[in-house]
Every structure is written in structure tokens, then in C-alpha cells.
Protein backbone atom coordinates (compact mmCIF):
# COMPACT_ATOMS: atom_id res chain seq x y z
CA MET A 1 -56.71 77.68 -53.53
CA GLN A 2 -59.34 78.60 -51.57
CA LYS A 3 -60.16 77.68 -47.81
CA ARG A 4 -62.86 75.46 -47.36
CA THR A 5 -65.25 77.62 -45.24
CA GLU A 6 -68.90 76.74 -45.86
CA GLY A 7 -70.52 73.59 -47.20
CA ALA A 8 -70.38 70.02 -45.79
CA PRO A 9 -68.02 69.32 -43.03
CA ARG A 10 -65.16 66.83 -44.02
CA ARG A 11 -65.01 63.22 -42.31
CA GLU A 12 -62.55 62.81 -39.75
CA ARG A 13 -60.19 59.73 -39.99
CA ARG A 14 -60.46 57.31 -37.07
CA GLU A 15 -57.64 55.69 -35.71
CA GLY A 16 -56.62 52.39 -36.49
CA GLY A 17 -57.65 52.46 -40.38
CA ARG A 18 -60.10 49.80 -40.15
CA GLY A 19 -63.31 51.93 -40.93
CA GLU A 20 -66.93 51.87 -39.36
CA ARG A 21 -67.27 48.19 -39.34
CA GLY A 22 -63.91 47.21 -37.64
CA SER A 23 -63.42 44.20 -40.18
CA ARG A 24 -60.10 42.77 -41.08
CA ARG A 25 -58.83 41.81 -44.47
CA LYS A 26 -59.47 38.30 -45.52
CA ILE A 27 -56.82 36.26 -46.27
CA CYS A 28 -56.59 33.48 -49.21
CA GLN A 29 -57.12 30.02 -47.52
CA PHE A 30 -55.53 28.63 -50.74
CA CYS A 31 -52.64 30.81 -50.24
CA HIS A 32 -52.44 29.96 -46.84
CA ASP A 33 -52.45 26.19 -47.24
CA ASN A 34 -49.83 26.38 -49.89
CA VAL A 35 -52.42 25.10 -52.54
CA ARG A 36 -50.62 24.66 -55.90
CA GLU A 37 -53.71 23.22 -57.87
CA ILE A 38 -57.24 23.14 -57.42
CA ASP A 39 -58.69 19.97 -58.65
CA TYR A 40 -62.51 19.87 -59.62
CA LYS A 41 -62.62 16.31 -58.35
CA GLU A 42 -62.61 17.45 -54.90
CA ALA A 43 -65.98 19.15 -54.85
CA GLY A 44 -67.47 17.45 -51.86
CA ARG A 45 -64.45 18.32 -49.49
CA PHE A 46 -64.31 22.04 -49.59
CA MET A 47 -65.88 23.48 -52.72
CA LYS A 48 -69.31 23.52 -51.32
CA ARG A 49 -68.32 26.81 -49.13
CA TYR A 50 -67.38 28.84 -52.49
CA ILE A 51 -70.74 28.32 -53.62
CA SER A 52 -73.82 30.10 -52.26
CA ASP A 53 -77.21 28.78 -51.25
CA ARG A 54 -78.60 29.71 -54.61
CA GLY A 55 -75.86 27.60 -56.41
CA LYS A 56 -73.69 30.61 -57.60
CA ILE A 57 -70.00 30.98 -57.26
CA GLU A 58 -69.22 33.35 -54.43
CA PRO A 59 -67.38 36.48 -55.11
CA ARG A 60 -63.77 37.41 -53.97
CA ARG A 61 -64.82 40.32 -51.43
CA LYS A 62 -66.70 37.75 -49.67
CA THR A 63 -64.77 34.60 -49.69
CA GLY A 64 -61.22 36.13 -49.54
CA THR A 65 -59.42 34.40 -52.04
CA CYS A 66 -56.94 35.99 -54.06
CA ALA A 67 -57.50 36.73 -57.77
CA LYS A 68 -55.20 33.84 -58.96
CA HIS A 69 -56.72 31.38 -56.88
CA GLN A 70 -60.21 32.91 -57.60
CA ARG A 71 -59.77 32.35 -61.21
CA ASN A 72 -58.64 28.84 -61.02
CA LEU A 73 -61.45 27.95 -58.37
CA SER A 74 -64.25 29.19 -60.77
CA ILE A 75 -62.76 27.04 -63.58
CA ALA A 76 -62.61 24.18 -61.09
CA LEU A 77 -66.24 24.86 -60.08
CA LYS A 78 -67.63 25.03 -63.54
CA GLN A 79 -65.74 21.64 -64.46
CA ALA A 80 -67.11 19.91 -61.33
CA ARG A 81 -70.84 21.01 -62.54
CA PHE A 82 -70.12 19.84 -66.13
CA MET A 83 -68.88 16.63 -64.61
CA ALA A 84 -72.18 16.49 -62.45
CA LEU A 85 -70.32 16.58 -58.95
CA LEU A 86 -72.04 19.72 -58.01
CA PRO A 87 -75.46 21.13 -59.12
CA TYR A 88 -76.13 24.05 -61.31
CA THR A 89 -78.94 25.20 -59.20
CA ALA A 90 -79.74 25.05 -55.76
CA GLU A 91 -81.92 21.76 -54.45
CA HIS A 92 -84.73 23.87 -52.89
CA ILE A 93 -85.14 25.57 -56.54
CA ARG A 94 -84.88 22.13 -58.47
CA GLY A 95 -87.97 20.63 -57.29
CA MET A 96 -90.45 23.43 -58.63
């Protein structure tokens, strides 16, 4: 193997392992609260925080939910939309 003598220098690792932003890993709120089943009928209470201002379902990397609960959450949100408990689009876009 050759030694690396020229070219771009390697990046040095920072202490702590949190990267440049220094953010912590998000925890799944459903795992923390020991939720077994996500019900579409509870749309008004907590599901609105998992929908963006445009009416889209928020991704896992933004909300911090685990894969299992994200799948159940997306199914429950789609059922709530179908039952007209949640809108398909954002309110300000609908008026156009």
C-alpha cells in the first residue's frame, strides 16, 4: 500500500461523535409512550404534527419515529384522510 502524501488532506474526527451540527438522535415518541396501536380516529389529537404545512406525511428523519411505527402511522394517516378526518391538501392551497 502506498502512503497518502499528496492530494486533499483527510478530515480529522471531532470528539463526541455528533458531527458538525451537534444534534442528538431523535427518539420514537410511540416507543417512548409504549403505544401498541396507532388509531386513525385520534387524528385531531396528535396526528397533525406528523403532517407538513403542505399536507404531506413527514419523513422518519424529521419526526424521529422508528420504522415500525412510521409504517403504522402512514397507514393511519391515509385512513384518516379517507374518512375525511384530515385534509389531503393544505388549507391555504385549497382555496385557489
